[in-house]
Amino acid sequence: MTFSSFHPYVYYATRYPFARGQTSFPRICYASSIYLISEGTGTLKMLGKTYMMEPGSLVYIPAGQHHEWLADLERPMVHICCYFDWSYVERSAISDWAAPICYQAEQLVAELVGPSFPYAIPAVLTVDSMRPWIDHFQSFYKTGEYTSGKTFLRSLTTQRNFQDFIEYFLQNVLKEDHIPDPRIGRLLAQMEQNILSGAEYPPAYYYENLHLSRGHFFEIFKQTTGYSPVQYMNRFRIGRAMEDLLHTNLSITDISEKYHFSSVHYFSRLFRKQTGQSPREFRLVEQHKWRT
């Protein structure tokens, strides 16, 4: 899975109490799953290991991973759990339930197993405080039915809350070098607003406000966006200019001035470097596509 296709989608989320000594039997979930043990104890068998489960245990099982749960005979565990994919997979051809489970490995339809996440996620962690996790889970509890015309609006709220949960989950489980610096995320919104309002500032304005050295700022900025600050600002301005060329009657000179390029010639040169076309060529070609 590439990040261009990254769009987590939850199918089923609930609170599930086990009975004493209950087993899930060896199984394979088509979707990925996350579990918080909120009460009781039990075990998880996976990849030749046995993990002891207790309140606060947080478990991630990737799609297609063989595993088995077994509840304690005296204090059976309670799962707060969800079944989801890192990007949506349609499985209605094999099940009426949106998060099907396979109990016979030879019957698994391999092409319907959900995508894997590109970075390693620990199988089992212990959370310091369960309350924030429980609150997140409760905000997107969902039955295992497919979204229908009658439920799609409710599903939008569910999916939005689930997106918040996944962000919280990844912030807590990923290694630091895989997590974009949140300061840069906030700064990008400010930077883009400044460009649109005409208050365009040099990179020094931003790294001084963040109390960062120039070198460290440029390093974390590129790690987060893939570009230097100037490259990012120019790509943003060119992207907005492309929208205006396609959807407005503004002249190329007007668009150049609107996005504060030093001259129309510089704008045209930068536009061609980024898109392979001059602004005029882009407008003619794209408008022709819309007409046909």
C-alpha atoms as a PDB file:
ATOM      1  CA  MET A   1       0.000   0.000   0.000  1.00  0.00           C
ATOM      2  CA  THR A   2       1.242   3.472  -0.873  1.00  0.00           C
ATOM      3  CA  PHE A   3       0.187   6.593   1.018  1.00  0.00           C
ATOM      4  CA  SER A   4      -1.655   7.812  -2.086  1.00  0.00           C
ATOM      5  CA  SER A   5      -4.187   5.032  -1.415  1.00  0.00           C
ATOM      6  CA  PHE A   6      -4.174   5.415   2.376  1.00  0.00           C
ATOM      7  CA  HIS A   7      -7.750   5.915   3.557  1.00  0.00           C
ATOM      8  CA  PRO A   8      -8.616   3.891   6.685  1.00  0.00           C
ATOM      9  CA  TYR A   9     -12.184   2.586   6.711  1.00  0.00           C
ATOM     10  CA  VAL A  10     -13.882   0.852   9.646  1.00  0.00           C
ATOM     11  CA  TYR A  11     -16.473  -1.905   9.071  1.00  0.00           C
ATOM     12  CA  TYR A  12     -17.263  -3.037  12.584  1.00  0.00           C
ATOM     13  CA  ALA A  13     -16.511  -1.716  16.079  1.00  0.00           C
ATOM     14  CA  THR A  14     -17.971  -2.870  19.376  1.00  0.00           C
ATOM     15  CA  ARG A  15     -17.494  -3.964  22.987  1.00  0.00           C
ATOM     16  CA  TYR A  16     -17.326  -7.759  23.122  1.00  0.00           C
ATOM     17  CA  PRO A  17     -17.303  -9.625  26.481  1.00  0.00           C
ATOM     18  CA  PHE A  18     -16.018 -13.213  26.373  1.00  0.00           C
ATOM     19  CA  ALA A  19     -17.595 -16.011  28.381  1.00  0.00           C
ATOM     20  CA  ARG A  20     -15.445 -17.976  30.804  1.00  0.00           C
ATOM     21  CA  GLY A  21     -12.934 -20.089  28.902  1.00  0.00           C
ATOM     22  CA  GLN A  22     -14.375 -18.993  25.544  1.00  0.00           C
ATOM     23  CA  THR A  23     -12.139 -19.374  22.506  1.00  0.00           C
ATOM     24  CA  SER A  24     -12.338 -17.589  19.171  1.00  0.00           C
ATOM     25  CA  PHE A  25     -10.884 -20.716  17.538  1.00  0.00           C
ATOM     26  CA  PRO A  26      -7.926 -20.310  15.168  1.00  0.00           C
ATOM     27  CA  ARG A  27      -9.007 -17.733  12.618  1.00  0.00           C
ATOM     28  CA  ILE A  28      -7.926 -15.263   9.939  1.00  0.00           C
ATOM     29  CA  CYS A  29      -9.603 -11.869   9.626  1.00  0.00           C
ATOM     30  CA  TYR A  30      -9.798 -10.423   6.143  1.00  0.00           C
ATOM     31  CA  ALA A  31      -9.503  -6.941   7.647  1.00  0.00           C
ATOM     32  CA  SER A  32      -6.963  -5.536  10.084  1.00  0.00           C
ATOM     33  CA  SER A  33      -8.115  -5.266  13.694  1.00  0.00           C
ATOM     34  CA  ILE A  34      -7.304  -3.394  16.893  1.00  0.00           C
ATOM     35  CA  TYR A  35      -8.309  -4.562  20.384  1.00  0.00           C
ATOM     36  CA  LEU A  36      -8.175  -2.946  23.802  1.00  0.00           C
ATOM     37  CA  ILE A  37      -8.585  -5.318  26.738  1.00  0.00           C
ATOM     38  CA  SER A  38     -10.718  -3.248  29.084  1.00  0.00           C
ATOM     39  CA  GLU A  39     -11.472  -5.913  31.709  1.00  0.00           C
ATOM     40  CA  GLY A  40     -10.451  -9.458  32.646  1.00  0.00           C
ATOM     41  CA  THR A  41      -7.659 -11.601  31.317  1.00  0.00           C
ATOM     42  CA  GLY A  42      -6.914 -14.156  28.613  1.00  0.00           C
ATOM     43  CA  THR A  43      -4.344 -15.098  26.003  1.00  0.00           C
ATOM     44  CA  LEU A  44      -3.612 -14.415  22.352  1.00  0.00           C
ATOM     45  CA  LYS A  45      -1.759 -16.953  20.230  1.00  0.00           C
ATOM     46  CA  MET A  46      -0.119 -15.544  17.113  1.00  0.00           C
ATOM     47  CA  LEU A  47       3.021 -16.238  15.071  1.00  0.00           C
ATOM     48  CA  GLY A  48       4.089 -19.029  17.409  1.00  0.00           C
ATOM     49  CA  LYS A  49       3.899 -16.799  20.490  1.00  0.00           C
ATOM     50  CA  THR A  50       1.438 -16.655  23.369  1.00  0.00           C
ATOM     51  CA  TYR A  51       0.674 -13.193  24.741  1.00  0.00           C
ATOM     52  CA  MET A  52      -0.919 -12.715  28.155  1.00  0.00           C
ATOM     53  CA  MET A  53      -3.823 -10.272  27.979  1.00  0.00           C
ATOM     54  CA  GLU A  54      -4.848  -8.001  30.856  1.00  0.00           C
ATOM     55  CA  PRO A  55      -6.586  -4.644  31.260  1.00  0.00           C
ATOM     56  CA  GLY A  56      -4.703  -2.032  29.224  1.00  0.00           C
ATOM     57  CA  SER A  57      -3.346  -4.473  26.639  1.00  0.00           C
ATOM     58  CA  LEU A  58      -3.580  -2.944  23.156  1.00  0.00           C
ATOM     59  CA  VAL A  59      -3.340  -5.368  20.243  1.00  0.00           C
ATOM     60  CA  TYR A  60      -2.917  -4.818  16.504  1.00  0.00           C
ATOM     61  CA  ILE A  61      -3.454  -7.782  14.145  1.00  0.00           C
ATOM     62  CA  PRO A  62      -2.832  -7.135  10.438  1.00  0.00           C
ATOM     63  CA  ALA A  63      -5.233  -8.463   7.837  1.00  0.00           C
ATOM     64  CA  GLY A  64      -4.604 -12.108   6.944  1.00  0.00           C
ATOM     65  CA  GLN A  65      -2.760 -12.926  10.193  1.00  0.00           C
ATOM     66  CA  HIS A  66      -3.625 -16.318  11.750  1.00  0.00           C
ATOM     67  CA  HIS A  67      -4.450 -15.999  15.479  1.00  0.00           C
ATOM     68  CA  GLU A  68      -6.575 -17.348  18.358  1.00  0.00           C
ATOM     69  CA  TRP A  69      -8.071 -15.777  21.484  1.00  0.00           C
ATOM     70  CA  LEU A  70      -8.744 -17.682  24.725  1.00  0.00           C
ATOM     71  CA  ALA A  71     -10.536 -16.105  27.702  1.00  0.00           C
ATOM     72  CA  ASP A  72      -9.626 -16.825  31.324  1.00  0.00           C
ATOM     73  CA  LEU A  73     -11.793 -19.367  33.177  1.00  0.00           C
ATOM     74  CA  GLU A  74     -12.424 -17.027  36.109  1.00  0.00           C
ATOM     75  CA  ARG A  75     -12.034 -13.467  34.812  1.00  0.00           C
ATOM     76  CA  PRO A  76     -12.832 -13.554  31.085  1.00  0.00           C
ATOM     77  CA  MET A  77     -11.509 -10.630  29.076  1.00  0.00           C
ATOM     78  CA  VAL A  78     -13.574  -7.939  27.442  1.00  0.00           C
ATOM     79  CA  HIS A  79     -12.560  -6.682  23.997  1.00  0.00           C
ATOM     80  CA  ILE A  80     -13.181  -3.147  22.817  1.00  0.00           C
ATOM     81  CA  CYS A  81     -12.338  -3.705  19.196  1.00  0.00           C
ATOM     82  CA  CYS A  82     -12.616  -2.651  15.576  1.00  0.00           C
ATOM     83  CA  TYR A  83     -12.161  -4.283  12.180  1.00  0.00           C
ATOM     84  CA  PHE A  84     -10.952  -2.014   9.409  1.00  0.00           C
ATOM     85  CA  ASP A  85      -8.835  -1.691   6.289  1.00  0.00           C
ATOM     86  CA  TRP A  86      -6.128   0.846   5.566  1.00  0.00           C
ATOM     87  CA  SER A  87      -8.083   1.433   2.352  1.00  0.00           C
ATOM     88  CA  TYR A  88     -11.567   0.122   1.551  1.00  0.00           C
ATOM     89  CA  VAL A  89     -11.989  -3.431   0.225  1.00  0.00           C
ATOM     90  CA  GLU A  90     -15.304  -4.643  -1.213  1.00  0.00           C
ATOM     91  CA  ARG A  91     -16.081  -8.179   0.033  1.00  0.00           C
ATOM     92  CA  SER A  92     -19.840  -8.481  -0.468  1.00  0.00           C
ATOM     93  CA  ALA A  93     -19.228 -11.296  -2.972  1.00  0.00           C
ATOM     94  CA  ILE A  94     -18.092 -13.627  -0.166  1.00  0.00           C
ATOM     95  CA  SER A  95     -20.038 -12.388   2.868  1.00  0.00           C
ATOM     96  CA  ASP A  96     -23.083 -10.452   4.005  1.00  0.00           C
ATOM     97  CA  TRP A  97     -20.930  -9.201   6.885  1.00  0.00           C
ATOM     98  CA  ALA A  98     -18.587  -6.318   6.099  1.00  0.00           C
ATOM     99  CA  ALA A  99     -15.677  -7.766   8.126  1.00  0.00           C
ATOM    100  CA  PRO A 100     -15.640 -11.496   7.303  1.00  0.00           C
ATOM    101  CA  ILE A 101     -13.507 -14.032   9.183  1.00  0.00           C
ATOM    102  CA  CYS A 102     -12.039 -17.249   7.780  1.00  0.00           C
ATOM    103  CA  TYR A 103     -11.608 -20.366   9.956  1.00  0.00           C
ATOM    104  CA  GLN A 104     -10.119 -22.659   7.320  1.00  0.00           C
ATOM    105  CA  ALA A 105      -6.886 -21.316   5.833  1.00  0.00           C
ATOM    106  CA  GLU A 106      -7.388 -23.221   2.585  1.00  0.00           C
ATOM    107  CA  GLN A 107     -10.680 -21.380   2.049  1.00  0.00           C
ATOM    108  CA  LEU A 108      -9.147 -17.916   2.338  1.00  0.00           C
ATOM    109  CA  VAL A 109      -9.678 -15.738  -0.756  1.00  0.00           C
ATOM    110  CA  ALA A 110      -6.227 -14.175  -0.807  1.00  0.00           C
ATOM    111  CA  GLU A 111      -7.056 -11.295  -3.146  1.00  0.00           C
ATOM    112  CA  LEU A 112      -9.670 -10.011  -0.664  1.00  0.00           C
ATOM    113  CA  VAL A 113      -7.261  -9.798   2.281  1.00  0.00           C
ATOM    114  CA  GLY A 114      -6.854  -6.142   3.256  1.00  0.00           C
ATOM    115  CA  PRO A 115      -3.733  -4.096   2.514  1.00  0.00           C
ATOM    116  CA  SER A 116      -0.846  -3.957   4.946  1.00  0.00           C
ATOM    117  CA  PHE A 117       0.458  -0.796   6.590  1.00  0.00           C
ATOM    118  CA  PRO A 118       3.854   0.326   5.191  1.00  0.00           C
ATOM    119  CA  TYR A 119       5.563   0.605   8.592  1.00  0.00           C
ATOM    120  CA  ALA A 120       5.938  -1.920  11.388  1.00  0.00           C
ATOM    121  CA  ILE A 121       3.288  -1.678  14.111  1.00  0.00           C
ATOM    122  CA  PRO A 122       3.885  -3.512  17.420  1.00  0.00           C
ATOM    123  CA  ALA A 123       1.569  -6.483  17.954  1.00  0.00           C
ATOM    124  CA  VAL A 124       0.995  -5.833  21.665  1.00  0.00           C
ATOM    125  CA  LEU A 125       1.441  -2.736  23.802  1.00  0.00           C
ATOM    126  CA  THR A 126       0.189  -1.597  27.201  1.00  0.00           C
ATOM    127  CA  VAL A 127      -1.543   1.787  27.416  1.00  0.00           C
ATOM    128  CA  ASP A 128      -1.051   4.018  30.459  1.00  0.00           C
ATOM    129  CA  SER A 129      -4.653   5.214  30.601  1.00  0.00           C
ATOM    130  CA  MET A 130      -7.586   3.362  29.063  1.00  0.00           C
ATOM    131  CA  ARG A 131     -10.098   6.219  29.238  1.00  0.00           C
ATOM    132  CA  PRO A 132      -8.951   8.125  26.119  1.00  0.00           C
ATOM    133  CA  TRP A 133      -8.866   4.895  24.130  1.00  0.00           C
ATOM    134  CA  ILE A 134     -12.328   3.829  25.272  1.00  0.00           C
ATOM    135  CA  ASP A 135     -13.736   7.268  24.448  1.00  0.00           C
ATOM    136  CA  HIS A 136     -12.286   7.063  20.942  1.00  0.00           C
ATOM    137  CA  PHE A 137     -13.658   3.567  20.371  1.00  0.00           C
ATOM    138  CA  GLN A 138     -17.125   4.488  21.601  1.00  0.00           C
ATOM    139  CA  SER A 139     -17.318   7.384  19.136  1.00  0.00           C
ATOM    140  CA  PHE A 140     -17.295   5.007  16.137  1.00  0.00           C
ATOM    141  CA  TYR A 141     -19.063   1.857  17.354  1.00  0.00           C
ATOM    142  CA  LYS A 142     -20.580   0.315  14.236  1.00  0.00           C
ATOM    143  CA  THR A 143     -22.515  -2.819  13.295  1.00  0.00           C
ATOM    144  CA  GLY A 144     -20.956  -5.157  10.770  1.00  0.00           C
ATOM    145  CA  GLU A 145     -23.529  -4.378   8.101  1.00  0.00           C
ATOM    146  CA  TYR A 146     -22.581  -2.780   4.811  1.00  0.00           C
ATOM    147  CA  THR A 147     -23.313   0.921   4.452  1.00  0.00           C
ATOM    148  CA  SER A 148     -26.575   1.466   2.582  1.00  0.00           C
ATOM    149  CA  GLY A 149     -28.447   4.420   1.176  1.00  0.00           C
ATOM    150  CA  LYS A 150     -30.273   4.731   4.488  1.00  0.00           C
ATOM    151  CA  THR A 151     -27.146   4.640   6.623  1.00  0.00           C
ATOM    152  CA  PHE A 152     -24.544   6.508   4.585  1.00  0.00           C
ATOM    153  CA  LEU A 153     -24.957   9.846   6.410  1.00  0.00           C
ATOM    154  CA  ARG A 154     -24.554   8.143   9.776  1.00  0.00           C
ATOM    155  CA  SER A 155     -21.580   6.280   8.342  1.00  0.00           C
ATOM    156  CA  LEU A 156     -19.890   9.572   7.426  1.00  0.00           C
ATOM    157  CA  THR A 157     -19.836  10.543  11.108  1.00  0.00           C
ATOM    158  CA  THR A 158     -18.588   7.095  12.075  1.00  0.00           C
ATOM    159  CA  GLN A 159     -15.770   7.194   9.542  1.00  0.00           C
ATOM    160  CA  ARG A 160     -14.771  10.727  10.555  1.00  0.00           C
ATOM    161  CA  ASN A 161     -14.493   9.667  14.202  1.00  0.00           C
ATOM    162  CA  PHE A 162     -12.575   6.574  13.162  1.00  0.00           C
ATOM    163  CA  GLN A 163     -10.082   8.731  11.247  1.00  0.00           C
ATOM    164  CA  ASP A 164      -9.443  10.656  14.486  1.00  0.00           C
ATOM    165  CA  PHE A 165      -8.892   7.370  16.299  1.00  0.00           C
ATOM    166  CA  ILE A 166      -6.426   6.079  13.699  1.00  0.00           C
ATOM    167  CA  GLU A 167      -4.429   9.299  13.950  1.00  0.00           C
ATOM    168  CA  TYR A 168      -4.347   8.871  17.742  1.00  0.00           C
ATOM    169  CA  PHE A 169      -3.398   5.194  17.371  1.00  0.00           C
ATOM    170  CA  LEU A 170      -0.533   5.850  14.952  1.00  0.00           C
ATOM    171  CA  GLN A 171       0.813   8.732  17.039  1.00  0.00           C
ATOM    172  CA  ASN A 172       1.065   6.310  19.958  1.00  0.00           C
ATOM    173  CA  VAL A 173       2.445   3.196  18.260  1.00  0.00           C
ATOM    174  CA  LEU A 174       4.737   4.348  15.460  1.00  0.00           C
ATOM    175  CA  LYS A 175       8.396   5.105  15.931  1.00  0.00           C
ATOM    176  CA  GLU A 176       9.182   8.809  16.039  1.00  0.00           C
ATOM    177  CA  ASP A 177      11.007   8.821  12.700  1.00  0.00           C
ATOM    178  CA  HIS A 178       7.791   7.655  10.989  1.00  0.00           C
ATOM    179  CA  ILE A 179       5.586  10.401  12.459  1.00  0.00           C
ATOM    180  CA  PRO A 180       5.367  13.779  10.731  1.00  0.00           C
ATOM    181  CA  ASP A 181       6.327  16.613  13.070  1.00  0.00           C
ATOM    182  CA  PRO A 182       3.002  18.159  14.220  1.00  0.00           C
ATOM    183  CA  ARG A 183       4.588  21.622  14.275  1.00  0.00           C
ATOM    184  CA  ILE A 184       5.066  21.443  10.515  1.00  0.00           C
ATOM    185  CA  GLY A 185       1.465  20.354   9.972  1.00  0.00           C
ATOM    186  CA  ARG A 186       0.213  23.434  11.800  1.00  0.00           C
ATOM    187  CA  LEU A 187       2.736  25.630  10.034  1.00  0.00           C
ATOM    188  CA  LEU A 188       1.615  24.474   6.563  1.00  0.00           C
ATOM    189  CA  ALA A 189      -1.922  25.694   7.202  1.00  0.00           C
ATOM    190  CA  GLN A 190      -0.555  29.063   8.309  1.00  0.00           C
ATOM    191  CA  MET A 191       1.834  29.243   5.361  1.00  0.00           C
ATOM    192  CA  GLU A 192      -0.914  28.507   2.825  1.00  0.00           C
ATOM    193  CA  GLN A 193      -3.243  31.077   4.383  1.00  0.00           C
ATOM    194  CA  ASN A 194      -0.481  33.666   4.285  1.00  0.00           C
ATOM    195  CA  ILE A 195       0.126  32.999   0.591  1.00  0.00           C
ATOM    196  CA  LEU A 196      -3.571  33.338  -0.246  1.00  0.00           C
ATOM    197  CA  SER A 197      -3.900  36.560   1.723  1.00  0.00           C
ATOM    198  CA  GLY A 198      -0.812  38.067   0.124  1.00  0.00           C
ATOM    199  CA  ALA A 199       1.224  38.060   3.341  1.00  0.00           C
ATOM    200  CA  GLU A 200       3.977  35.840   1.991  1.00  0.00           C
ATOM    201  CA  TYR A 201       6.969  35.414   4.294  1.00  0.00           C
ATOM    202  CA  PRO A 202      10.435  33.921   3.769  1.00  0.00           C
ATOM    203  CA  PRO A 203      11.362  30.643   5.523  1.00  0.00           C
ATOM    204  CA  ALA A 204      13.207  32.576   8.246  1.00  0.00           C
ATOM    205  CA  TYR A 205       9.884  33.975   9.465  1.00  0.00           C
ATOM    206  CA  TYR A 206       8.619  30.461  10.188  1.00  0.00           C
ATOM    207  CA  TYR A 207      11.682  28.847  11.734  1.00  0.00           C
ATOM    208  CA  GLU A 208      12.307  31.850  13.959  1.00  0.00           C
ATOM    209  CA  ASN A 209       8.701  31.718  15.208  1.00  0.00           C
ATOM    210  CA  LEU A 210       9.190  28.023  15.970  1.00  0.00           C
ATOM    211  CA  HIS A 211      12.503  28.793  17.704  1.00  0.00           C
ATOM    212  CA  LEU A 212      14.309  26.328  15.458  1.00  0.00           C
ATOM    213  CA  SER A 213      17.645  26.629  13.726  1.00  0.00           C
ATOM    214  CA  ARG A 214      17.541  27.031   9.966  1.00  0.00           C
ATOM    215  CA  GLY A 215      19.141  23.638   9.397  1.00  0.00           C
ATOM    216  CA  HIS A 216      16.814  21.739  11.738  1.00  0.00           C
ATOM    217  CA  PHE A 217      13.758  23.485  10.321  1.00  0.00           C
ATOM    218  CA  PHE A 218      14.688  22.614   6.730  1.00  0.00           C
ATOM    219  CA  GLU A 219      15.369  19.005   7.772  1.00  0.00           C
ATOM    220  CA  ILE A 220      12.021  18.365   9.476  1.00  0.00           C
ATOM    221  CA  PHE A 221      10.138  20.359   6.829  1.00  0.00           C
ATOM    222  CA  LYS A 222      11.483  18.131   4.060  1.00  0.00           C
ATOM    223  CA  GLN A 223      10.885  14.974   6.112  1.00  0.00           C
ATOM    224  CA  THR A 224       7.223  15.991   6.468  1.00  0.00           C
ATOM    225  CA  THR A 225       6.457  17.351   2.990  1.00  0.00           C
ATOM    226  CA  GLY A 226       9.176  16.002   0.696  1.00  0.00           C
ATOM    227  CA  TYR A 227      10.096  19.560  -0.336  1.00  0.00           C
ATOM    228  CA  SER A 228      12.079  22.537   0.857  1.00  0.00           C
ATOM    229  CA  PRO A 229       9.954  25.447   2.156  1.00  0.00           C
ATOM    230  CA  VAL A 230      10.415  27.450  -1.052  1.00  0.00           C
ATOM    231  CA  GLN A 231       9.597  24.415  -3.214  1.00  0.00           C
ATOM    232  CA  TYR A 232       6.471  23.773  -1.174  1.00  0.00           C
ATOM    233  CA  MET A 233       5.288  27.382  -1.439  1.00  0.00           C
ATOM    234  CA  ASN A 234       5.900  27.423  -5.195  1.00  0.00           C
ATOM    235  CA  ARG A 235       4.071  24.120  -5.705  1.00  0.00           C
ATOM    236  CA  PHE A 236       1.150  25.438  -3.677  1.00  0.00           C
ATOM    237  CA  ARG A 237       0.989  28.631  -5.721  1.00  0.00           C
ATOM    238  CA  ILE A 238       1.235  26.742  -9.017  1.00  0.00           C
ATOM    239  CA  GLY A 239      -1.516  24.359  -7.855  1.00  0.00           C
ATOM    240  CA  ARG A 240      -3.857  27.249  -7.134  1.00  0.00           C
ATOM    241  CA  ALA A 241      -2.912  28.885 -10.439  1.00  0.00           C
ATOM    242  CA  MET A 242      -3.859  25.671 -12.259  1.00  0.00           C
ATOM    243  CA  GLU A 243      -7.319  25.852 -10.706  1.00  0.00           C
ATOM    244  CA  ASP A 244      -7.736  29.447 -11.867  1.00  0.00           C
ATOM    245  CA  LEU A 245      -6.535  28.665 -15.381  1.00  0.00           C
ATOM    246  CA  LEU A 246      -9.113  25.922 -15.635  1.00  0.00           C
ATOM    247  CA  HIS A 247     -12.105  27.440 -13.873  1.00  0.00           C
ATOM    248  CA  THR A 248     -11.834  31.238 -14.342  1.00  0.00           C
ATOM    249  CA  ASN A 249     -11.399  33.752 -17.160  1.00  0.00           C
ATOM    250  CA  LEU A 250      -8.526  35.538 -15.419  1.00  0.00           C
ATOM    251  CA  SER A 251      -5.634  36.341 -17.718  1.00  0.00           C
ATOM    252  CA  ILE A 252      -2.261  34.696 -17.185  1.00  0.00           C
ATOM    253  CA  THR A 253      -0.890  38.060 -16.055  1.00  0.00           C
ATOM    254  CA  ASP A 254      -3.735  38.459 -13.549  1.00  0.00           C
ATOM    255  CA  ILE A 255      -3.118  34.979 -12.154  1.00  0.00           C
ATOM    256  CA  SER A 256       0.591  35.678 -11.878  1.00  0.00           C
ATOM    257  CA  GLU A 257      -0.129  38.821  -9.876  1.00  0.00           C
ATOM    258  CA  LYS A 258      -2.797  37.118  -7.769  1.00  0.00           C
ATOM    259  CA  TYR A 259      -0.280  34.580  -6.450  1.00  0.00           C
ATOM    260  CA  HIS A 260       2.506  37.155  -6.076  1.00  0.00           C
ATOM    261  CA  PHE A 261       5.005  35.873  -8.632  1.00  0.00           C
ATOM    262  CA  SER A 262       7.723  38.423  -9.308  1.00  0.00           C
ATOM    263  CA  SER A 263       6.843  38.529 -13.014  1.00  0.00           C
ATOM    264  CA  VAL A 264       4.647  36.720 -15.534  1.00  0.00           C
ATOM    265  CA  HIS A 265       7.804  35.358 -17.166  1.00  0.00           C
ATOM    266  CA  TYR A 266       8.952  33.805 -13.877  1.00  0.00           C
ATOM    267  CA  PHE A 267       5.465  32.399 -13.331  1.00  0.00           C
ATOM    268  CA  SER A 268       5.432  30.837 -16.819  1.00  0.00           C
ATOM    269  CA  ARG A 269       8.913  29.373 -16.404  1.00  0.00           C
ATOM    270  CA  LEU A 270       8.080  27.864 -13.007  1.00  0.00           C
ATOM    271  CA  PHE A 271       4.719  26.576 -14.298  1.00  0.00           C
ATOM    272  CA  ARG A 272       6.390  24.797 -17.222  1.00  0.00           C
ATOM    273  CA  LYS A 273       9.047  23.307 -14.957  1.00  0.00           C
ATOM    274  CA  GLN A 274       6.374  21.833 -12.682  1.00  0.00           C
ATOM    275  CA  THR A 275       3.762  20.760 -15.257  1.00  0.00           C
ATOM    276  CA  GLY A 276       5.637  20.385 -18.541  1.00  0.00           C
ATOM    277  CA  GLN A 277       3.352  22.976 -20.164  1.00  0.00           C
ATOM    278  CA  SER A 278       3.097  26.737 -20.327  1.00  0.00           C
ATOM    279  CA  PRO A 279       0.070  28.258 -18.549  1.00  0.00           C
ATOM    280  CA  ARG A 280      -1.563  28.948 -21.926  1.00  0.00           C
ATOM    281  CA  GLU A 281      -0.975  25.380 -23.153  1.00  0.00           C
ATOM    282  CA  PHE A 282      -2.372  23.969 -19.917  1.00  0.00           C
ATOM    283  CA  ARG A 283      -5.532  26.077 -20.175  1.00  0.00           C
ATOM    284  CA  LEU A 284      -6.164  25.138 -23.824  1.00  0.00           C
ATOM    285  CA  VAL A 285      -5.526  21.417 -23.337  1.00  0.00           C
ATOM    286  CA  GLU A 286      -7.533  21.046 -20.128  1.00  0.00           C
ATOM    287  CA  GLN A 287     -10.491  23.105 -21.344  1.00  0.00           C
ATOM    288  CA  HIS A 288     -10.575  20.998 -24.504  1.00  0.00           C
ATOM    289  CA  LYS A 289     -10.764  17.846 -22.339  1.00  0.00           C
ATOM    290  CA  TRP A 290     -13.717  19.303 -20.438  1.00  0.00           C
ATOM    291  CA  ARG A 291     -15.570  20.157 -23.649  1.00  0.00           C
ATOM    292  CA  THR A 292     -15.095  16.671 -25.095  1.00  0.00           C
END
